[in-house]
Amino acid sequence: MPDLSAILSRHMGVEGPLLPILHDVQAAFGCVSAQAQEAIAQALNLSRAEVHGVVSFYHDFTEQPDPRPCIQLCRAEACQARGVEALVAQAEQLAGNTIRIQTVYCLGLCSVGPAARVVNGLVGEQLQARLDADKLAQMVASL
């Protein structure tokens, strides 16, 4: 079982440790709970509100565990110009309740959009560029 104190100690003395700590906590526990936020705030001499502000701002962090795999669809301007909006409803319909669909803003694949990222604890993260209806259906089916 992961240990929060081990994650915190691994990052102590490093400049700007908050985001690396949050990523490690999210990966280890599947979320950054209110209790973890409190411990992180104390360890870094920050207010809980400061830590919570970062957790709630970035789409990579969740406060409650969700065991379902997730497909993140980029809805930034470049992907919108390449037709991602037409795929959002299809993604939600195909996913049902077994896959979480999340819209995010910029996966860094602007020249090859629409883009998506599969976040699945079993296989890690996978990026998909030049997404279309067929590729989206294949992504959902693979999960």
C-alpha atoms as a PDB file:
ATOM      1  CA  MET A   1       0.000   0.000   0.000  1.00  0.00           C
ATOM      2  CA  PRO A   2       1.344   3.455  -0.875  1.00  0.00           C
ATOM      3  CA  ASP A   3       2.483   5.681   1.936  1.00  0.00           C
ATOM      4  CA  LEU A   4       1.746   9.419   1.837  1.00  0.00           C
ATOM      5  CA  SER A   5       4.635  10.233   4.174  1.00  0.00           C
ATOM      6  CA  ALA A   6       7.053   8.437   1.834  1.00  0.00           C
ATOM      7  CA  ILE A   7       5.781  10.495  -1.111  1.00  0.00           C
ATOM      8  CA  LEU A   8       6.160  13.708   0.882  1.00  0.00           C
ATOM      9  CA  SER A   9       9.665  12.880   2.105  1.00  0.00           C
ATOM     10  CA  ARG A  10      10.782  11.983  -1.419  1.00  0.00           C
ATOM     11  CA  HIS A  11      10.003  15.539  -2.560  1.00  0.00           C
ATOM     12  CA  MET A  12      11.220  17.527   0.438  1.00  0.00           C
ATOM     13  CA  GLY A  13      14.061  19.876  -0.383  1.00  0.00           C
ATOM     14  CA  VAL A  14      13.085  19.993  -4.054  1.00  0.00           C
ATOM     15  CA  GLU A  15      12.151  23.364  -5.488  1.00  0.00           C
ATOM     16  CA  GLY A  16       8.452  23.596  -6.363  1.00  0.00           C
ATOM     17  CA  PRO A  17       7.392  20.221  -4.942  1.00  0.00           C
ATOM     18  CA  LEU A  18       3.600  20.704  -4.913  1.00  0.00           C
ATOM     19  CA  LEU A  19       2.736  19.492  -8.428  1.00  0.00           C
ATOM     20  CA  PRO A  20       5.085  16.482  -8.345  1.00  0.00           C
ATOM     21  CA  ILE A  21       3.645  15.498  -4.958  1.00  0.00           C
ATOM     22  CA  LEU A  22       0.075  15.837  -6.238  1.00  0.00           C
ATOM     23  CA  HIS A  23       0.855  13.714  -9.305  1.00  0.00           C
ATOM     24  CA  ASP A  24       2.430  11.001  -7.147  1.00  0.00           C
ATOM     25  CA  VAL A  25      -0.485  11.029  -4.698  1.00  0.00           C
ATOM     26  CA  GLN A  26      -3.032  10.846  -7.544  1.00  0.00           C
ATOM     27  CA  ALA A  27      -1.140   7.920  -9.086  1.00  0.00           C
ATOM     28  CA  ALA A  28      -0.721   6.083  -5.794  1.00  0.00           C
ATOM     29  CA  PHE A  29      -4.208   6.534  -4.327  1.00  0.00           C
ATOM     30  CA  GLY A  30      -6.390   7.290  -7.351  1.00  0.00           C
ATOM     31  CA  CYS A  31      -7.295  10.711  -5.947  1.00  0.00           C
ATOM     32  CA  VAL A  32      -6.026  13.558  -3.793  1.00  0.00           C
ATOM     33  CA  SER A  33      -8.424  13.348  -0.867  1.00  0.00           C
ATOM     34  CA  ALA A  34      -9.170  16.148   1.581  1.00  0.00           C
ATOM     35  CA  GLN A  35      -7.022  14.336   4.166  1.00  0.00           C
ATOM     36  CA  ALA A  36      -4.105  14.132   1.733  1.00  0.00           C
ATOM     37  CA  GLN A  37      -4.507  17.817   0.874  1.00  0.00           C
ATOM     38  CA  GLU A  38      -4.334  18.671   4.569  1.00  0.00           C
ATOM     39  CA  ALA A  39      -1.158  16.603   5.065  1.00  0.00           C
ATOM     40  CA  ILE A  40       0.462  18.101   1.957  1.00  0.00           C
ATOM     41  CA  ALA A  41      -0.396  21.622   3.112  1.00  0.00           C
ATOM     42  CA  GLN A  42       1.149  20.990   6.521  1.00  0.00           C
ATOM     43  CA  ALA A  43       4.285  19.426   5.046  1.00  0.00           C
ATOM     44  CA  LEU A  44       4.836  22.320   2.623  1.00  0.00           C
ATOM     45  CA  ASN A  45       3.772  25.074   5.036  1.00  0.00           C
ATOM     46  CA  LEU A  46       0.878  26.061   2.771  1.00  0.00           C
ATOM     47  CA  SER A  47      -2.752  26.661   3.573  1.00  0.00           C
ATOM     48  CA  ARG A  48      -5.206  23.891   2.741  1.00  0.00           C
ATOM     49  CA  ALA A  49      -6.941  26.408   0.455  1.00  0.00           C
ATOM     50  CA  GLU A  50      -3.742  26.826  -1.583  1.00  0.00           C
ATOM     51  CA  VAL A  51      -3.399  23.081  -2.077  1.00  0.00           C
ATOM     52  CA  HIS A  52      -7.109  22.669  -2.789  1.00  0.00           C
ATOM     53  CA  GLY A  53      -6.925  25.489  -5.344  1.00  0.00           C
ATOM     54  CA  VAL A  54      -4.280  23.603  -7.309  1.00  0.00           C
ATOM     55  CA  VAL A  55      -6.125  20.274  -7.026  1.00  0.00           C
ATOM     56  CA  SER A  56      -9.381  21.792  -8.242  1.00  0.00           C
ATOM     57  CA  PHE A  57      -7.721  23.784 -11.050  1.00  0.00           C
ATOM     58  CA  TYR A  58      -5.930  20.965 -12.862  1.00  0.00           C
ATOM     59  CA  HIS A  59      -7.961  18.249 -14.600  1.00  0.00           C
ATOM     60  CA  ASP A  60      -5.348  15.612 -13.733  1.00  0.00           C
ATOM     61  CA  PHE A  61      -6.383  15.568 -10.080  1.00  0.00           C
ATOM     62  CA  THR A  62      -9.587  14.259  -8.528  1.00  0.00           C
ATOM     63  CA  GLU A  63     -10.751  14.417  -4.940  1.00  0.00           C
ATOM     64  CA  GLN A  64     -12.711  11.166  -5.074  1.00  0.00           C
ATOM     65  CA  PRO A  65     -11.455   7.884  -6.519  1.00  0.00           C
ATOM     66  CA  ASP A  66     -13.098   6.766  -9.757  1.00  0.00           C
ATOM     67  CA  PRO A  67     -11.994   3.305 -10.870  1.00  0.00           C
ATOM     68  CA  ARG A  68     -13.388   3.712 -14.377  1.00  0.00           C
ATOM     69  CA  PRO A  69     -10.965   4.356 -17.230  1.00  0.00           C
ATOM     70  CA  CYS A  70     -11.194   7.883 -18.601  1.00  0.00           C
ATOM     71  CA  ILE A  71     -11.105   9.342 -22.087  1.00  0.00           C
ATOM     72  CA  GLN A  72     -10.071  12.980 -22.077  1.00  0.00           C
ATOM     73  CA  LEU A  73     -11.200  14.849 -25.189  1.00  0.00           C
ATOM     74  CA  CYS A  74      -9.347  18.040 -26.023  1.00  0.00           C
ATOM     75  CA  ARG A  75     -11.738  20.939 -26.627  1.00  0.00           C
ATOM     76  CA  ALA A  76      -9.160  23.672 -27.139  1.00  0.00           C
ATOM     77  CA  GLU A  77      -9.482  25.933 -30.168  1.00  0.00           C
ATOM     78  CA  ALA A  78      -7.282  23.882 -32.514  1.00  0.00           C
ATOM     79  CA  CYS A  79      -9.218  20.678 -31.821  1.00  0.00           C
ATOM     80  CA  GLN A  80     -12.509  22.551 -32.111  1.00  0.00           C
ATOM     81  CA  ALA A  81     -11.440  23.785 -35.540  1.00  0.00           C
ATOM     82  CA  ARG A  82     -10.743  20.175 -36.514  1.00  0.00           C
ATOM     83  CA  GLY A  83     -14.167  18.889 -35.431  1.00  0.00           C
ATOM     84  CA  VAL A  84     -13.934  17.595 -31.870  1.00  0.00           C
ATOM     85  CA  GLU A  85     -17.339  19.012 -30.952  1.00  0.00           C
ATOM     86  CA  ALA A  86     -19.029  16.471 -33.217  1.00  0.00           C
ATOM     87  CA  LEU A  87     -17.306  13.676 -31.272  1.00  0.00           C
ATOM     88  CA  VAL A  88     -18.263  14.707 -27.731  1.00  0.00           C
ATOM     89  CA  ALA A  89     -21.854  13.447 -27.824  1.00  0.00           C
ATOM     90  CA  GLN A  90     -20.772  10.241 -29.560  1.00  0.00           C
ATOM     91  CA  ALA A  91     -18.129   9.653 -26.882  1.00  0.00           C
ATOM     92  CA  GLU A  92     -20.644  10.100 -24.070  1.00  0.00           C
ATOM     93  CA  GLN A  93     -23.122   7.754 -25.749  1.00  0.00           C
ATOM     94  CA  LEU A  94     -20.535   5.039 -26.430  1.00  0.00           C
ATOM     95  CA  ALA A  95     -19.013   5.276 -22.960  1.00  0.00           C
ATOM     96  CA  GLY A  96     -22.207   4.793 -21.000  1.00  0.00           C
ATOM     97  CA  ASN A  97     -21.468   4.381 -17.299  1.00  0.00           C
ATOM     98  CA  THR A  98     -18.379   2.220 -17.709  1.00  0.00           C
ATOM     99  CA  ILE A  99     -15.998   4.876 -19.043  1.00  0.00           C
ATOM    100  CA  ARG A 100     -15.625   8.441 -17.822  1.00  0.00           C
ATOM    101  CA  ILE A 101     -15.562  11.113 -20.525  1.00  0.00           C
ATOM    102  CA  GLN A 102     -13.793  14.299 -19.537  1.00  0.00           C
ATOM    103  CA  THR A 103     -13.197  17.371 -21.642  1.00  0.00           C
ATOM    104  CA  VAL A 104      -9.866  19.108 -21.205  1.00  0.00           C
ATOM    105  CA  TYR A 105      -8.252  22.120 -22.790  1.00  0.00           C
ATOM    106  CA  CYS A 106      -5.078  21.331 -24.691  1.00  0.00           C
ATOM    107  CA  LEU A 107      -3.220  18.065 -24.757  1.00  0.00           C
ATOM    108  CA  GLY A 108      -0.404  19.621 -26.768  1.00  0.00           C
ATOM    109  CA  LEU A 109      -1.282  17.898 -30.039  1.00  0.00           C
ATOM    110  CA  CYS A 110      -2.692  20.978 -31.737  1.00  0.00           C
ATOM    111  CA  SER A 111      -1.329  20.232 -35.201  1.00  0.00           C
ATOM    112  CA  VAL A 112      -2.780  16.711 -35.267  1.00  0.00           C
ATOM    113  CA  GLY A 113      -6.155  17.204 -33.583  1.00  0.00           C
ATOM    114  CA  PRO A 114      -8.727  16.338 -32.633  1.00  0.00           C
ATOM    115  CA  ALA A 115      -6.828  14.717 -29.804  1.00  0.00           C
ATOM    116  CA  ALA A 116      -7.715  12.494 -26.872  1.00  0.00           C
ATOM    117  CA  ARG A 117      -5.912  10.825 -24.010  1.00  0.00           C
ATOM    118  CA  VAL A 118      -6.910   7.533 -22.422  1.00  0.00           C
ATOM    119  CA  VAL A 119      -6.163   7.425 -18.710  1.00  0.00           C
ATOM    120  CA  ASN A 120      -6.417   3.888 -17.421  1.00  0.00           C
ATOM    121  CA  GLY A 121      -4.711   2.607 -14.303  1.00  0.00           C
ATOM    122  CA  LEU A 122      -4.087  -0.748 -15.969  1.00  0.00           C
ATOM    123  CA  VAL A 123      -2.280   0.557 -19.057  1.00  0.00           C
ATOM    124  CA  GLY A 124      -1.246   4.056 -18.058  1.00  0.00           C
ATOM    125  CA  GLU A 125      -1.851   6.900 -20.485  1.00  0.00           C
ATOM    126  CA  GLN A 126      -2.217   6.721 -24.248  1.00  0.00           C
ATOM    127  CA  LEU A 127      -2.564   9.645 -26.643  1.00  0.00           C
ATOM    128  CA  GLN A 128      -4.659   9.535 -29.792  1.00  0.00           C
ATOM    129  CA  ALA A 129      -4.225  12.084 -32.578  1.00  0.00           C
ATOM    130  CA  ARG A 130      -6.359  12.734 -35.658  1.00  0.00           C
ATOM    131  CA  LEU A 131      -9.368  11.371 -33.798  1.00  0.00           C
ATOM    132  CA  ASP A 132     -12.468  10.559 -35.831  1.00  0.00           C
ATOM    133  CA  ALA A 133     -15.675   8.600 -35.168  1.00  0.00           C
ATOM    134  CA  ASP A 134     -14.098   5.234 -36.023  1.00  0.00           C
ATOM    135  CA  LYS A 135     -10.990   5.779 -33.882  1.00  0.00           C
ATOM    136  CA  LEU A 136     -13.175   6.971 -31.008  1.00  0.00           C
ATOM    137  CA  ALA A 137     -15.314   3.815 -31.228  1.00  0.00           C
ATOM    138  CA  GLN A 138     -12.130   1.689 -31.218  1.00  0.00           C
ATOM    139  CA  MET A 139     -10.820   3.543 -28.137  1.00  0.00           C
ATOM    140  CA  VAL A 140     -14.037   2.917 -26.238  1.00  0.00           C
ATOM    141  CA  ALA A 141     -14.186  -0.730 -27.307  1.00  0.00           C
ATOM    142  CA  SER A 142     -10.585  -1.307 -26.182  1.00  0.00           C
ATOM    143  CA  LEU A 143     -11.465  -0.219 -22.662  1.00  0.00           C
END
